[in-house]
Amino acid sequence: MPSRLKRYYGAKHLHFITCSCCHRLPMLGTPQRRDLFLQVLEQARQRYRFVVVGYVVMPEHFHLLMSEPEDGDPSVVMKVVKQEFARIVHRRGSEYPTHSHRTRMNGAPAPAKVWQKRFYDFNVWTESKRIEKLRYMHRNPVKRGLVSQPEQWIWSSFRSYAYAEVGGLRVNFQEWPLEIKERARETFSGCQGPRTPLIRTERE
């Protein structure tokens, strides 16, 4: 993964985030682990006040479509979520996946780390792209052969859209008042003007 990824914040875009487990090991490979991850993510949603538009938790990675937080930014949210989940997992060491899942192809012990460094972030600013990302996430478990129908994978936002279910992670939900905050303005060209304002950062 590139060592200096560019993050573009401040334009009120949605962010399609992908984060993988270390060495693509199934650290989210059990229902208990996936439930725990959603609990941690819901706590972060409430703390940093962002809207979850969609998500899917797979055995070795997750996808998240989120708004920009009222407090902090997506990088802060991902750092906190990854650290808190890893802290709990390490504390509950006996709940790791089976030994066969914790070993590499060469038989060496799996690393203690839970997550790969950094994450991918794709800015989503059109309705068509929002729908595309939602469909991609909801079809992911079917494409991988984990289930035959999207509604059978309860660790995604599909059932929230299809059946209006309220799960452990709230989808399209905002319990705080909308606040309009002044943000620094920057454009891709670096010039002031009417173009879309962006805040560019180089961080986790």
Protein backbone atom coordinates (compact mmCIF):
# COMPACT_ATOMS: atom_id res chain seq x y z
CA MET A 1 0.00 0.00 0.00
CA PRO A 2 1.38 3.49 -0.79
CA SER A 3 3.22 5.07 2.11
CA ARG A 4 1.70 8.55 1.60
CA LEU A 5 -1.95 8.17 0.70
CA LYS A 6 -3.85 11.38 0.02
CA ARG A 7 -7.08 11.90 1.92
CA TYR A 8 -9.57 14.51 0.70
CA TYR A 9 -11.82 15.81 3.47
CA GLY A 10 -14.04 18.84 3.92
CA ALA A 11 -16.29 18.64 0.85
CA LYS A 12 -19.03 16.74 2.73
CA HIS A 13 -18.59 13.74 0.43
CA LEU A 14 -19.37 10.21 1.51
CA HIS A 15 -16.33 8.01 2.06
CA PHE A 16 -16.12 4.40 0.91
CA ILE A 17 -13.58 2.80 3.22
CA THR A 18 -11.91 -0.59 2.89
CA CYS A 19 -9.74 -2.03 5.63
CA SER A 20 -8.16 -5.50 5.70
CA CYS A 21 -6.95 -7.72 8.50
CA CYS A 22 -3.23 -8.32 8.84
CA HIS A 23 -2.00 -10.70 6.12
CA ARG A 24 -5.66 -11.12 5.11
CA LEU A 25 -6.16 -13.52 8.02
CA PRO A 26 -9.80 -14.10 9.08
CA MET A 27 -9.63 -12.06 12.25
CA LEU A 28 -13.34 -11.33 11.65
CA GLY A 29 -14.01 -14.95 10.87
CA THR A 30 -16.46 -15.76 13.66
CA PRO A 31 -19.94 -14.36 14.39
CA GLN A 32 -18.68 -13.19 17.79
CA ARG A 33 -15.84 -11.23 16.22
CA ARG A 34 -18.12 -9.59 13.66
CA ASP A 35 -20.64 -8.69 16.36
CA LEU A 36 -17.86 -7.18 18.44
CA PHE A 37 -16.58 -5.13 15.52
CA LEU A 38 -20.06 -3.70 14.88
CA GLN A 39 -20.36 -2.79 18.56
CA VAL A 40 -17.07 -0.90 18.41
CA LEU A 41 -18.09 0.85 15.20
CA GLU A 42 -21.47 1.87 16.66
CA GLN A 43 -19.72 3.38 19.67
CA ALA A 44 -17.48 5.37 17.32
CA ARG A 45 -20.52 6.48 15.28
CA GLN A 46 -22.09 7.97 18.39
CA ARG A 47 -18.87 9.49 19.67
CA TYR A 48 -17.75 11.16 16.43
CA ARG A 49 -21.24 11.72 15.01
CA PHE A 50 -21.16 10.34 11.49
CA VAL A 51 -23.86 8.63 9.44
CA VAL A 52 -23.37 5.03 8.34
CA VAL A 53 -24.82 4.78 4.84
CA GLY A 54 -23.83 1.14 4.34
CA TYR A 55 -21.39 -1.55 5.43
CA VAL A 56 -20.37 -5.18 5.20
CA VAL A 57 -18.10 -7.11 7.56
CA MET A 58 -16.32 -10.00 5.86
CA PRO A 59 -14.06 -12.61 7.54
CA GLU A 60 -10.83 -10.79 6.65
CA HIS A 61 -11.87 -7.22 5.78
CA PHE A 62 -14.69 -4.71 5.95
CA HIS A 63 -16.22 -2.02 3.77
CA LEU A 64 -17.89 1.08 5.18
CA LEU A 65 -19.76 3.90 3.42
CA MET A 66 -19.93 6.82 5.82
CA SER A 67 -20.46 10.55 5.99
CA GLU A 68 -17.76 12.87 7.25
CA PRO A 69 -17.93 13.03 11.05
CA GLU A 70 -19.11 16.12 12.89
CA ASP A 71 -16.10 15.61 15.17
CA GLY A 72 -12.74 14.61 13.69
CA ASP A 73 -12.48 13.02 10.27
CA PRO A 74 -12.62 9.48 8.80
CA SER A 75 -8.95 8.92 9.57
CA VAL A 76 -9.53 9.61 13.27
CA VAL A 77 -12.55 7.31 13.27
CA MET A 78 -10.68 4.43 11.62
CA LYS A 79 -7.72 4.79 13.96
CA VAL A 80 -9.97 4.62 17.02
CA VAL A 81 -12.07 1.72 15.70
CA LYS A 82 -9.05 -0.36 14.71
CA GLN A 83 -7.23 0.29 17.98
CA GLU A 84 -10.23 -0.43 20.19
CA PHE A 85 -11.17 -3.63 18.37
CA ALA A 86 -7.56 -4.87 18.48
CA ARG A 87 -7.31 -4.02 22.18
CA ILE A 88 -10.39 -6.10 23.00
CA VAL A 89 -9.27 -8.98 20.77
CA HIS A 90 -5.87 -9.14 22.42
CA ARG A 91 -7.47 -9.00 25.85
CA ARG A 92 -9.66 -11.95 24.87
CA GLY A 93 -6.79 -13.99 23.51
CA SER A 94 -8.58 -17.29 23.88
CA GLU A 95 -11.19 -16.20 21.34
CA TYR A 96 -8.78 -16.08 18.40
CA PRO A 97 -9.75 -18.13 15.32
CA THR A 98 -8.53 -21.72 15.18
CA HIS A 99 -4.82 -22.40 14.90
CA SER A 100 -5.15 -23.37 11.24
CA HIS A 101 -6.55 -19.92 10.51
CA ARG A 102 -3.83 -18.23 12.49
CA THR A 103 -0.96 -19.69 10.53
CA ARG A 104 0.55 -18.49 7.30
CA MET A 105 0.98 -20.62 4.22
CA ASN A 106 4.49 -21.62 5.33
CA GLY A 107 3.25 -22.79 8.72
CA ALA A 108 4.80 -19.93 10.70
CA PRO A 109 2.76 -18.49 13.60
CA ALA A 110 0.38 -15.71 12.68
CA PRO A 111 1.38 -12.18 13.69
CA ALA A 112 -0.10 -10.54 16.77
CA LYS A 113 -1.37 -7.60 14.73
CA VAL A 114 -5.05 -7.55 13.84
CA TRP A 115 -5.11 -4.99 11.01
CA GLN A 116 -3.06 -4.05 8.00
CA LYS A 117 -1.63 -0.56 8.20
CA ARG A 118 -3.75 2.29 6.88
CA PHE A 119 -6.89 1.87 4.79
CA TYR A 120 -8.35 2.74 1.39
CA ASP A 121 -10.71 5.71 1.14
CA PHE A 122 -12.71 6.56 -2.00
CA ASN A 123 -14.69 9.81 -2.09
CA VAL A 124 -18.31 9.28 -3.19
CA TRP A 125 -20.20 12.38 -4.29
CA THR A 126 -22.82 11.16 -6.78
CA GLU A 127 -26.01 9.18 -6.25
CA SER A 128 -25.06 6.63 -8.89
CA LYS A 129 -21.75 5.93 -7.17
CA ARG A 130 -23.48 5.64 -3.79
CA ILE A 131 -25.82 2.99 -5.20
CA GLU A 132 -22.92 1.21 -6.88
CA LYS A 133 -20.99 0.95 -3.60
CA LEU A 134 -24.06 -0.26 -1.69
CA ARG A 135 -24.72 -2.98 -4.24
CA TYR A 136 -21.08 -4.01 -4.18
CA MET A 137 -21.08 -4.38 -0.40
CA HIS A 138 -24.38 -6.23 -0.21
CA ARG A 139 -23.38 -8.68 -2.95
CA ASN A 140 -19.93 -9.34 -1.51
CA PRO A 141 -20.91 -12.26 0.80
CA VAL A 142 -22.85 -13.91 -2.06
CA LYS A 143 -19.97 -13.48 -4.48
CA ARG A 144 -17.61 -15.05 -1.95
CA GLY A 145 -19.94 -18.03 -1.48
CA LEU A 146 -20.62 -17.35 2.18
CA VAL A 147 -24.40 -17.20 1.60
CA SER A 148 -26.76 -17.66 -1.33
CA GLN A 149 -28.79 -14.46 -0.75
CA PRO A 150 -27.68 -11.03 0.59
CA GLU A 151 -30.28 -11.05 3.37
CA GLN A 152 -28.70 -14.21 4.82
CA TRP A 153 -25.52 -12.30 5.77
CA ILE A 154 -26.56 -10.37 8.85
CA TRP A 155 -23.28 -8.44 9.09
CA SER A 156 -24.17 -5.96 6.36
CA SER A 157 -26.60 -3.10 5.89
CA PHE A 158 -28.75 -5.04 3.40
CA ARG A 159 -31.46 -5.96 5.90
CA SER A 160 -31.69 -2.35 7.04
CA TYR A 161 -32.55 -1.32 3.47
CA ALA A 162 -34.69 -4.34 2.56
CA TYR A 163 -36.63 -4.81 5.81
CA ALA A 164 -36.02 -1.60 7.79
CA GLU A 165 -34.35 -3.65 10.52
CA VAL A 166 -32.50 -1.83 13.27
CA GLY A 167 -29.31 -3.72 14.02
CA GLY A 168 -26.43 -3.13 16.38
CA LEU A 169 -24.99 -0.57 13.95
CA ARG A 170 -27.50 2.14 13.05
CA VAL A 171 -27.81 2.87 9.32
CA ASN A 172 -28.91 6.23 7.88
CA PHE A 173 -29.50 7.45 11.41
CA GLN A 174 -28.55 10.75 13.04
CA GLU A 175 -29.58 11.50 16.61
CA TRP A 176 -27.71 14.82 16.90
CA PRO A 177 -28.68 18.25 15.49
CA LEU A 178 -27.10 19.28 12.23
CA GLU A 179 -24.25 21.73 12.71
CA ILE A 180 -22.78 23.85 9.92
CA LYS A 181 -19.11 24.47 10.58
CA GLU A 182 -16.67 26.72 8.78
CA ARG A 183 -13.87 24.71 7.18
CA ALA A 184 -10.63 25.75 5.51
CA ARG A 185 -11.02 25.88 1.72
CA GLU A 186 -8.60 24.34 -0.76
CA THR A 187 -9.02 23.19 -4.33
CA PHE A 188 -7.24 20.57 -6.41
CA SER A 189 -5.51 23.37 -8.32
CA GLY A 190 -4.53 25.21 -5.17
CA CYS A 191 -6.34 28.34 -6.37
CA GLN A 192 -9.16 30.12 -4.63
CA GLY A 193 -12.45 30.11 -6.45
CA PRO A 194 -15.86 28.53 -6.77
CA ARG A 195 -14.56 24.99 -7.29
CA THR A 196 -15.32 22.23 -4.81
CA PRO A 197 -13.57 22.94 -1.46
CA LEU A 198 -11.31 20.19 -0.20
CA ILE A 199 -9.16 19.58 2.80
CA ARG A 200 -6.22 17.35 1.94
CA THR A 201 -4.49 15.42 4.67
CA GLU A 202 -1.74 12.83 4.82
CA ARG A 203 -2.53 10.65 7.79
CA GLU A 204 -3.86 7.24 8.84
